[in-house]
């Protein structure tokens, strides 16, 4: 496919993810003011950080009086999953020049990864798949900025908007992202353990429950994945990554 076709298809295919992110972005714009951020600071965070979960964690910590070191460390740990996303996509984009890799790395989100990895997994020999990546990632980025702006504008006009339960749309989106990726027993176990730990530790301060859940899920996944591969090798079965 041509560059423009790949770009348009990328923007089109990420629309379901955008629908789930719309209320999430609006709520962020609404809550940021209560955490002490001005309208420009709120918009600037979305422009420069562009990481929904980290932005929510940051404003929660700031609202609770946490210091900069705690905010930076917590958001760093939460965003470590992006290193795994990057490692997965690196074989497909390593041939691109830096002017491509840097913006694509910045725009890489959970939603973009979920859509783009399916495109790269397709067997056609299109040399323009990075344009698909670009189209999907840019569409999500522009949507996030617009939703943040809407939240900033209407946050004061519509009282208690965060209590409307709009964030459920984003939770449903993440469920839709995760479930199709659970292709073997180690991956299912990692997801279940992470979910259980998150529930058990949700009362911990500074969102430490999220870090505990992430680390627990990763640890269980790594251990079981190694055993899973050894068992397959013992049975003489070829095991490809992600299978």
Protein backbone atom coordinates (compact mmCIF):
# COMPACT_ATOMS: atom_id res chain seq x y z
CA UNK A 1 0.00 0.00 0.00
CA UNK A 2 1.05 3.61 -0.53
CA UNK A 3 2.21 5.90 2.27
CA UNK A 4 -1.07 7.80 2.36
CA UNK A 5 -3.12 4.60 2.41
CA UNK A 6 -1.08 3.19 5.29
CA UNK A 7 -1.43 6.48 7.18
CA UNK A 8 -5.20 6.60 6.70
CA UNK A 9 -5.63 2.95 7.67
CA UNK A 10 -3.60 3.50 10.84
CA UNK A 11 -5.74 6.46 11.85
CA UNK A 12 -8.89 4.47 11.02
CA UNK A 13 -7.93 1.33 12.92
CA UNK A 14 -7.15 3.18 16.14
CA UNK A 15 -10.60 4.83 16.28
CA UNK A 16 -12.05 2.22 18.70
CA UNK A 17 -9.17 2.95 21.06
CA UNK A 18 -9.76 6.68 20.67
CA UNK A 19 -13.40 6.26 21.70
CA UNK A 20 -12.27 4.65 24.94
CA UNK A 21 -9.67 7.36 25.57
CA UNK A 22 -12.01 10.33 25.07
CA UNK A 23 -13.61 10.31 28.55
CA UNK A 24 -10.25 9.48 30.11
CA UNK A 25 -8.66 12.59 28.60
CA UNK A 26 -11.60 14.79 29.59
CA UNK A 27 -11.44 13.58 33.18
CA UNK A 28 -7.71 14.26 33.31
CA UNK A 29 -8.25 17.83 32.15
CA UNK A 30 -10.93 18.20 34.80
CA UNK A 31 -8.95 16.79 37.72
CA UNK A 32 -5.61 18.43 36.99
CA UNK A 33 -6.87 21.81 38.18
CA UNK A 34 -7.84 20.31 41.53
CA UNK A 35 -4.28 19.04 41.91
CA UNK A 36 -2.96 22.58 41.60
CA UNK A 37 -2.08 22.70 37.91
CA UNK A 38 -3.01 25.71 35.84
CA UNK A 39 -4.73 25.31 32.48
CA UNK A 40 -1.43 25.83 30.65
CA UNK A 41 0.39 23.36 32.88
CA UNK A 42 -2.32 20.79 32.28
CA UNK A 43 -2.16 21.23 28.52
CA UNK A 44 1.63 21.21 28.65
CA UNK A 45 1.67 17.91 30.53
CA UNK A 46 -0.49 16.28 27.87
CA UNK A 47 1.66 17.75 25.10
CA UNK A 48 5.02 16.77 26.58
CA UNK A 49 4.26 13.66 28.65
CA UNK A 50 1.44 12.03 26.68
CA UNK A 51 0.97 9.07 29.02
CA UNK A 52 -2.52 8.84 30.43
CA UNK A 53 -1.91 6.52 33.37
CA UNK A 54 1.25 8.36 34.40
CA UNK A 55 -0.48 11.72 34.13
CA UNK A 56 -3.29 10.55 36.41
CA UNK A 57 -0.81 9.12 38.89
CA UNK A 58 1.20 12.35 38.80
CA UNK A 59 -1.76 14.62 39.56
CA UNK A 60 -2.93 12.24 42.31
CA UNK A 61 0.48 12.35 43.94
CA UNK A 62 0.78 16.11 43.50
CA UNK A 63 -2.66 16.58 45.02
CA UNK A 64 -1.56 14.48 47.99
CA UNK A 65 1.52 16.61 48.55
CA UNK A 66 4.12 14.13 47.26
CA UNK A 67 7.52 15.45 46.30
CA UNK A 68 8.98 15.57 42.80
CA UNK A 69 11.23 12.56 43.43
CA UNK A 70 8.26 10.36 44.38
CA UNK A 71 6.28 11.50 41.34
CA UNK A 72 9.17 10.88 38.95
CA UNK A 73 10.03 7.47 40.40
CA UNK A 74 6.43 6.26 40.44
CA UNK A 75 5.68 7.35 36.88
CA UNK A 76 9.00 5.89 35.73
CA UNK A 77 8.14 2.46 37.11
CA UNK A 78 4.61 2.56 35.73
CA UNK A 79 5.95 3.43 32.28
CA UNK A 80 8.54 0.64 32.21
CA UNK A 81 6.05 -1.39 30.18
CA UNK A 82 6.89 0.86 27.25
CA UNK A 83 10.38 -0.65 27.19
CA UNK A 84 8.73 -3.99 26.42
CA UNK A 85 6.61 -2.38 23.70
CA UNK A 86 9.73 -0.84 22.19
CA UNK A 87 11.63 -4.11 22.30
CA UNK A 88 8.77 -5.83 20.47
CA UNK A 89 8.60 -3.24 17.70
CA UNK A 90 12.33 -2.57 17.42
CA UNK A 91 12.99 -5.24 14.75
CA UNK A 92 10.42 -3.56 12.51
CA UNK A 93 11.59 0.05 12.88
CA UNK A 94 15.34 -0.22 13.41
CA UNK A 95 15.98 0.48 9.74
CA UNK A 96 14.24 3.87 9.99
CA UNK A 97 16.27 7.07 10.37
CA UNK A 98 16.32 8.89 13.71
CA UNK A 99 13.85 11.50 12.48
CA UNK A 100 11.29 8.68 12.31
CA UNK A 101 12.24 6.62 15.35
CA UNK A 102 12.20 9.48 17.84
CA UNK A 103 8.64 10.74 17.22
CA UNK A 104 7.30 7.20 16.89
CA UNK A 105 8.90 6.31 20.22
CA UNK A 106 7.36 9.38 21.86
CA UNK A 107 3.91 8.61 20.44
CA UNK A 108 4.04 4.91 21.42
CA UNK A 109 1.13 4.24 23.78
CA UNK A 110 -0.73 1.15 24.91
CA UNK A 111 -3.39 1.79 22.29
CA UNK A 112 -0.94 2.47 19.48
CA UNK A 113 1.03 -0.67 20.32
CA UNK A 114 -2.10 -2.82 20.35
CA UNK A 115 -3.01 -1.65 16.84
CA UNK A 116 0.44 -1.38 15.28
CA UNK A 117 1.73 -4.78 16.34
CA UNK A 118 -1.09 -6.43 14.41
CA UNK A 119 -0.13 -4.51 11.29
CA UNK A 120 3.52 -5.52 11.57
CA UNK A 121 2.49 -9.13 12.15
CA UNK A 122 0.77 -9.24 8.76
CA UNK A 123 2.82 -11.06 6.13
CA UNK A 124 2.57 -8.56 3.29
CA UNK A 125 5.79 -6.90 2.18
CA UNK A 126 4.64 -3.27 2.38
CA UNK A 127 7.67 -0.98 2.93
CA UNK A 128 5.47 1.77 4.38
CA UNK A 129 4.12 0.17 7.56
CA UNK A 130 5.75 2.91 9.61
CA UNK A 131 3.27 5.28 7.99
CA UNK A 132 0.51 3.13 9.47
CA UNK A 133 2.24 3.51 12.85
CA UNK A 134 2.46 7.26 12.26
CA UNK A 135 -1.22 7.59 11.34
CA UNK A 136 -2.49 5.68 14.35
CA UNK A 137 -0.14 7.30 16.85
CA UNK A 138 -0.75 10.84 15.59
CA UNK A 139 -4.53 10.36 15.68
CA UNK A 140 -4.34 9.25 19.33
CA UNK A 141 -2.02 12.13 20.21
CA UNK A 142 -4.29 14.78 18.69
CA UNK A 143 -7.31 13.20 20.36
CA UNK A 144 -5.60 13.32 23.76
CA UNK A 145 -4.77 17.01 23.39
CA UNK A 146 -8.33 17.86 22.35
CA UNK A 147 -9.86 15.89 25.21
CA UNK A 148 -7.53 17.51 27.72
CA UNK A 149 -8.60 20.92 26.43
CA UNK A 150 -12.28 19.96 26.71
CA UNK A 151 -11.69 18.82 30.28
CA UNK A 152 -9.96 22.07 31.18
CA UNK A 153 -12.78 24.14 29.67
CA UNK A 154 -15.73 22.17 30.99
CA UNK A 155 -14.19 21.04 34.26
CA UNK A 156 -15.29 24.22 35.96
CA UNK A 157 -18.59 24.49 34.10
CA UNK A 158 -19.75 20.93 34.91
CA UNK A 159 -19.37 20.16 38.62
CA UNK A 160 -18.08 16.78 39.80
CA UNK A 161 -17.55 15.47 36.27
CA UNK A 162 -15.11 12.82 37.50
CA UNK A 163 -17.89 11.15 39.48
CA UNK A 164 -19.90 10.36 36.36
CA UNK A 165 -18.08 7.07 35.85
CA UNK A 166 -16.75 8.00 32.43
CA UNK A 167 -13.41 6.38 33.23
CA UNK A 168 -15.01 2.97 32.76
CA UNK A 169 -14.61 3.42 29.00
CA UNK A 170 -10.83 3.45 29.39
CA UNK A 171 -10.90 0.38 31.62
CA UNK A 172 -12.91 -1.44 28.98
CA UNK A 173 -10.38 -0.34 26.36
CA UNK A 174 -7.46 -1.74 28.37
CA UNK A 175 -9.32 -5.01 28.84
CA UNK A 176 -9.80 -5.12 25.09
CA UNK A 177 -6.07 -4.52 24.61
CA UNK A 178 -4.86 -7.11 27.11
CA UNK A 179 -7.17 -10.08 26.60
CA UNK A 180 -6.31 -10.78 22.92
CA UNK A 181 -2.62 -10.79 23.84
CA UNK A 182 -2.99 -13.59 26.41
CA UNK A 183 -1.94 -16.43 24.15
CA UNK A 184 -0.37 -18.93 26.53
CA UNK A 185 -0.46 -20.00 30.17
CA UNK A 186 2.45 -17.81 31.41
CA UNK A 187 0.82 -14.71 29.98
CA UNK A 188 -2.55 -15.56 31.54
CA UNK A 189 -0.88 -16.26 34.88
CA UNK A 190 1.02 -12.97 34.77
CA UNK A 191 -2.19 -11.04 34.10
CA UNK A 192 -4.09 -12.81 36.88
CA UNK A 193 -1.31 -12.31 39.41
CA UNK A 194 -0.93 -8.63 38.51
CA UNK A 195 -4.67 -8.11 38.85
CA UNK A 196 -4.84 -9.90 42.18
CA UNK A 197 -1.89 -7.96 43.61
CA UNK A 198 -3.36 -4.66 42.37
CA UNK A 199 -6.61 -5.39 44.21
CA UNK A 200 -4.85 -6.55 47.37
CA UNK A 201 -2.54 -3.54 47.47
CA UNK A 202 -4.86 -0.80 46.28
CA UNK A 203 -4.79 0.87 49.70
CA UNK A 204 -1.04 1.48 49.64
CA UNK A 205 0.08 5.12 49.44
CA UNK A 206 1.74 6.75 46.42
CA UNK A 207 0.16 4.19 44.08
CA UNK A 208 2.65 1.58 45.29
CA UNK A 209 0.01 -1.05 44.62
CA UNK A 210 0.43 -0.47 40.89
CA UNK A 211 4.18 -0.95 41.12
CA UNK A 212 3.74 -4.09 43.21
CA UNK A 213 1.24 -5.45 40.68
CA UNK A 214 3.48 -4.68 37.72
CA UNK A 215 6.57 -6.23 39.29
CA UNK A 216 4.63 -9.30 40.46
CA UNK A 217 3.13 -9.87 37.04
CA UNK A 218 6.50 -9.47 35.33
CA UNK A 219 8.23 -11.84 37.77
CA UNK A 220 5.59 -14.55 37.41
CA UNK A 221 5.51 -14.14 33.64
CA UNK A 222 9.29 -14.41 33.27
CA UNK A 223 9.58 -17.49 35.50
CA UNK A 224 6.68 -19.35 33.90
CA UNK A 225 7.70 -18.34 30.37
CA UNK A 226 11.13 -19.89 30.90
CA UNK A 227 9.57 -23.10 32.18
CA UNK A 228 7.06 -23.08 29.35
CA UNK A 229 9.79 -22.78 26.73
CA UNK A 230 11.90 -25.49 28.37
CA UNK A 231 8.91 -27.84 28.40
CA UNK A 232 8.25 -27.17 24.72
CA UNK A 233 11.91 -27.72 23.86
CA UNK A 234 11.81 -30.99 25.79
CA UNK A 235 8.85 -32.08 23.70
CA UNK A 236 10.65 -31.05 20.50
CA UNK A 237 8.22 -28.21 19.69
CA UNK A 238 9.51 -25.00 18.17
CA UNK A 239 8.43 -22.00 20.27
CA UNK A 240 8.33 -18.63 18.60
CA UNK A 241 8.05 -15.37 20.58
CA UNK A 242 4.44 -14.54 21.39
CA UNK A 243 3.21 -18.04 20.51
